[in-house]
Amino acid sequence: NEPAFVFDDGVFMGLVSLYHTLFKSRYPYKTLIAHCTIKPPHIVTNTSLYDIAQYMLDTELYTLPVFDDGQIS
């Protein structure tokens, strides 16, 4: 369940989970990546570990970005 981080000209667009895209949602192979993108929860350096663990369980994604001043750190 490792997601791919999607960027467009250096701007973070979201995450794409191959498992969710191929097996759970069963998107056709011609689906645009913008339709498969997941907006991750906004985690910052002072987000509690409990909240991060809950985000992981809710999204079934175990690699999530950490933001610092609007950028991924």
N, C-alpha and C. Protein backbone atom coordinates (compact mmCIF):
# COMPACT_ATOMS: atom_id res chain seq x y z
N ASN A 1 0.82 -1.20 0.00
CA ASN A 1 0.00 0.00 0.00
C ASN A 1 0.85 1.26 0.00
N GLU A 2 1.94 1.22 -0.71
CA GLU A 2 2.80 2.40 -0.82
C GLU A 2 2.29 3.28 -1.95
N PRO A 3 1.89 4.51 -1.65
CA PRO A 3 1.38 5.39 -2.70
C PRO A 3 2.52 6.05 -3.47
N ALA A 4 2.18 6.50 -4.66
CA ALA A 4 3.10 7.30 -5.46
C ALA A 4 2.74 8.77 -5.23
N PHE A 5 3.74 9.60 -5.02
CA PHE A 5 3.53 11.03 -4.85
C PHE A 5 3.48 11.65 -6.24
N VAL A 6 2.45 12.42 -6.54
CA VAL A 6 2.25 12.98 -7.88
C VAL A 6 2.52 14.49 -7.83
N PHE A 7 3.41 14.93 -8.71
CA PHE A 7 3.75 16.34 -8.83
C PHE A 7 3.50 16.78 -10.27
N ASP A 8 3.11 18.04 -10.43
CA ASP A 8 2.94 18.64 -11.75
C ASP A 8 3.71 19.95 -11.73
N ASP A 9 4.80 20.01 -12.48
CA ASP A 9 5.69 21.18 -12.49
C ASP A 9 6.12 21.57 -11.09
N GLY A 10 6.45 20.59 -10.27
CA GLY A 10 6.94 20.85 -8.92
C GLY A 10 5.86 21.09 -7.89
N VAL A 11 4.60 21.11 -8.29
CA VAL A 11 3.49 21.33 -7.37
C VAL A 11 2.89 19.99 -6.99
N PHE A 12 2.78 19.73 -5.69
CA PHE A 12 2.24 18.46 -5.21
C PHE A 12 0.75 18.39 -5.53
N MET A 13 0.34 17.34 -6.26
CA MET A 13 -1.05 17.18 -6.66
C MET A 13 -1.80 16.20 -5.77
N GLY A 14 -1.09 15.24 -5.17
CA GLY A 14 -1.74 14.26 -4.33
C GLY A 14 -1.02 12.92 -4.41
N LEU A 15 -1.70 11.89 -3.95
CA LEU A 15 -1.15 10.54 -3.93
C LEU A 15 -1.96 9.63 -4.84
N VAL A 16 -1.29 8.64 -5.39
CA VAL A 16 -1.99 7.60 -6.15
C VAL A 16 -1.61 6.26 -5.53
N SER A 17 -2.61 5.55 -5.07
CA SER A 17 -2.40 4.23 -4.51
C SER A 17 -2.65 3.20 -5.61
N LEU A 18 -1.62 2.45 -5.93
CA LEU A 18 -1.78 1.45 -6.98
C LEU A 18 -2.80 0.39 -6.59
N TYR A 19 -2.80 0.00 -5.32
CA TYR A 19 -3.76 -0.99 -4.85
C TYR A 19 -5.20 -0.50 -5.03
N HIS A 20 -5.46 0.74 -4.58
CA HIS A 20 -6.81 1.28 -4.70
C HIS A 20 -7.21 1.48 -6.16
N THR A 21 -6.25 1.94 -6.97
CA THR A 21 -6.55 2.22 -8.37
C THR A 21 -6.81 0.95 -9.18
N LEU A 22 -5.95 -0.04 -8.99
CA LEU A 22 -6.04 -1.25 -9.83
C LEU A 22 -7.02 -2.29 -9.30
N PHE A 23 -7.09 -2.46 -7.97
CA PHE A 23 -7.85 -3.57 -7.44
C PHE A 23 -9.15 -3.17 -6.74
N LYS A 24 -9.12 -2.10 -5.98
CA LYS A 24 -10.34 -1.71 -5.26
C LYS A 24 -11.32 -0.96 -6.16
N SER A 25 -10.83 0.07 -6.83
CA SER A 25 -11.71 0.89 -7.67
C SER A 25 -11.81 0.37 -9.09
N ARG A 26 -10.82 -0.40 -9.50
CA ARG A 26 -10.78 -1.00 -10.84
C ARG A 26 -10.98 0.02 -11.97
N TYR A 27 -10.20 1.09 -11.89
CA TYR A 27 -10.24 2.10 -12.94
C TYR A 27 -9.79 1.47 -14.26
N PRO A 28 -10.38 1.85 -15.39
CA PRO A 28 -9.90 1.38 -16.69
C PRO A 28 -8.48 1.89 -16.93
N TYR A 29 -7.72 1.20 -17.76
CA TYR A 29 -6.32 1.57 -17.97
C TYR A 29 -6.14 2.93 -18.63
N LYS A 30 -7.18 3.47 -19.25
CA LYS A 30 -7.08 4.78 -19.90
C LYS A 30 -7.48 5.93 -18.97
N THR A 31 -7.74 5.65 -17.70
CA THR A 31 -8.15 6.68 -16.76
C THR A 31 -7.03 7.68 -16.55
N LEU A 32 -7.36 8.96 -16.54
CA LEU A 32 -6.37 10.01 -16.29
C LEU A 32 -5.93 9.96 -14.83
N ILE A 33 -4.66 10.26 -14.60
CA ILE A 33 -4.13 10.19 -13.25
C ILE A 33 -4.83 11.17 -12.31
N ALA A 34 -5.32 12.27 -12.84
CA ALA A 34 -6.03 13.25 -12.01
C ALA A 34 -7.29 12.65 -11.37
N HIS A 35 -7.88 11.65 -12.01
CA HIS A 35 -9.08 11.00 -11.48
C HIS A 35 -8.75 9.98 -10.40
N CYS A 36 -7.50 9.54 -10.34
CA CYS A 36 -7.07 8.53 -9.36
C CYS A 36 -6.40 9.15 -8.14
N THR A 37 -6.15 10.45 -8.19
CA THR A 37 -5.39 11.12 -7.15
C THR A 37 -6.20 11.25 -5.86
N ILE A 38 -5.52 10.96 -4.75
CA ILE A 38 -6.11 11.08 -3.42
C ILE A 38 -5.48 12.28 -2.73
N LYS A 39 -6.29 13.13 -2.16
CA LYS A 39 -5.77 14.24 -1.36
C LYS A 39 -5.46 13.71 0.03
N PRO A 40 -4.20 13.73 0.45
CA PRO A 40 -3.86 13.18 1.75
C PRO A 40 -4.26 14.13 2.88
N PRO A 41 -4.35 13.61 4.10
CA PRO A 41 -4.61 14.48 5.24
C PRO A 41 -3.44 15.44 5.42
N HIS A 42 -3.71 16.59 5.99
CA HIS A 42 -2.66 17.60 6.17
C HIS A 42 -1.92 17.32 7.48
N ILE A 43 -0.77 16.68 7.36
CA ILE A 43 0.06 16.35 8.51
C ILE A 43 1.22 17.33 8.57
N VAL A 44 1.42 17.91 9.75
CA VAL A 44 2.55 18.81 9.99
C VAL A 44 3.43 18.19 11.07
N THR A 45 4.58 18.79 11.31
CA THR A 45 5.54 18.20 12.24
C THR A 45 5.01 18.05 13.66
N ASN A 46 4.04 18.84 14.06
CA ASN A 46 3.51 18.72 15.42
C ASN A 46 2.18 17.96 15.50
N THR A 47 1.81 17.26 14.44
CA THR A 47 0.61 16.41 14.46
C THR A 47 0.88 15.21 15.37
N SER A 48 -0.07 14.87 16.22
CA SER A 48 0.15 13.78 17.17
C SER A 48 0.26 12.44 16.45
N LEU A 49 1.03 11.54 17.03
CA LEU A 49 1.20 10.21 16.44
C LEU A 49 -0.12 9.45 16.40
N TYR A 50 -0.98 9.69 17.38
CA TYR A 50 -2.30 9.05 17.38
C TYR A 50 -3.08 9.47 16.14
N ASP A 51 -3.10 10.77 15.84
CA ASP A 51 -3.82 11.27 14.66
C ASP A 51 -3.22 10.70 13.37
N ILE A 52 -1.89 10.62 13.31
CA ILE A 52 -1.24 10.08 12.12
C ILE A 52 -1.61 8.61 11.93
N ALA A 53 -1.59 7.85 13.01
CA ALA A 53 -1.97 6.43 12.93
C ALA A 53 -3.42 6.29 12.48
N GLN A 54 -4.30 7.17 12.98
CA GLN A 54 -5.70 7.13 12.57
C GLN A 54 -5.85 7.45 11.09
N TYR A 55 -5.09 8.44 10.58
CA TYR A 55 -5.10 8.76 9.16
C TYR A 55 -4.68 7.55 8.34
N MET A 56 -3.65 6.86 8.80
CA MET A 56 -3.15 5.68 8.08
C MET A 56 -4.21 4.58 8.02
N LEU A 57 -4.88 4.36 9.12
CA LEU A 57 -5.94 3.35 9.14
C LEU A 57 -7.12 3.75 8.26
N ASP A 58 -7.49 5.02 8.31
CA ASP A 58 -8.64 5.50 7.52
C ASP A 58 -8.38 5.44 6.02
N THR A 59 -7.17 5.81 5.60
CA THR A 59 -6.87 5.87 4.17
C THR A 59 -6.26 4.58 3.62
N GLU A 60 -5.85 3.67 4.52
CA GLU A 60 -5.14 2.45 4.14
C GLU A 60 -3.85 2.75 3.39
N LEU A 61 -3.27 3.91 3.67
CA LEU A 61 -1.98 4.32 3.11
C LEU A 61 -1.03 4.50 4.28
N TYR A 62 0.17 3.92 4.17
CA TYR A 62 1.08 3.93 5.30
C TYR A 62 2.31 4.78 5.06
N THR A 63 2.33 5.48 3.96
CA THR A 63 3.33 6.50 3.68
C THR A 63 2.57 7.77 3.35
N LEU A 64 2.65 8.74 4.24
CA LEU A 64 1.93 10.00 4.06
C LEU A 64 2.89 11.17 4.10
N PRO A 65 2.62 12.22 3.34
CA PRO A 65 3.52 13.37 3.32
C PRO A 65 3.36 14.22 4.58
N VAL A 66 4.48 14.84 4.98
CA VAL A 66 4.47 15.79 6.08
C VAL A 66 4.73 17.16 5.48
N PHE A 67 3.87 18.12 5.80
CA PHE A 67 3.96 19.45 5.21
C PHE A 67 4.64 20.43 6.17
N ASP A 68 5.40 21.34 5.60
CA ASP A 68 6.05 22.40 6.35
C ASP A 68 5.96 23.66 5.50
N ASP A 69 5.19 24.64 5.95
CA ASP A 69 4.96 25.89 5.20
C ASP A 69 4.39 25.62 3.81
N GLY A 70 3.47 24.66 3.72
CA GLY A 70 2.79 24.36 2.46
C GLY A 70 3.57 23.47 1.51
N GLN A 71 4.80 23.13 1.86
CA GLN A 71 5.64 22.26 1.02
C GLN A 71 5.86 20.93 1.73
N ILE A 72 6.09 19.88 0.97
CA ILE A 72 6.40 18.58 1.55
C ILE A 72 7.83 18.63 2.07
N SER A 73 7.98 18.21 3.33
CA SER A 73 9.34 18.22 3.89
C SER A 73 9.89 16.81 3.98
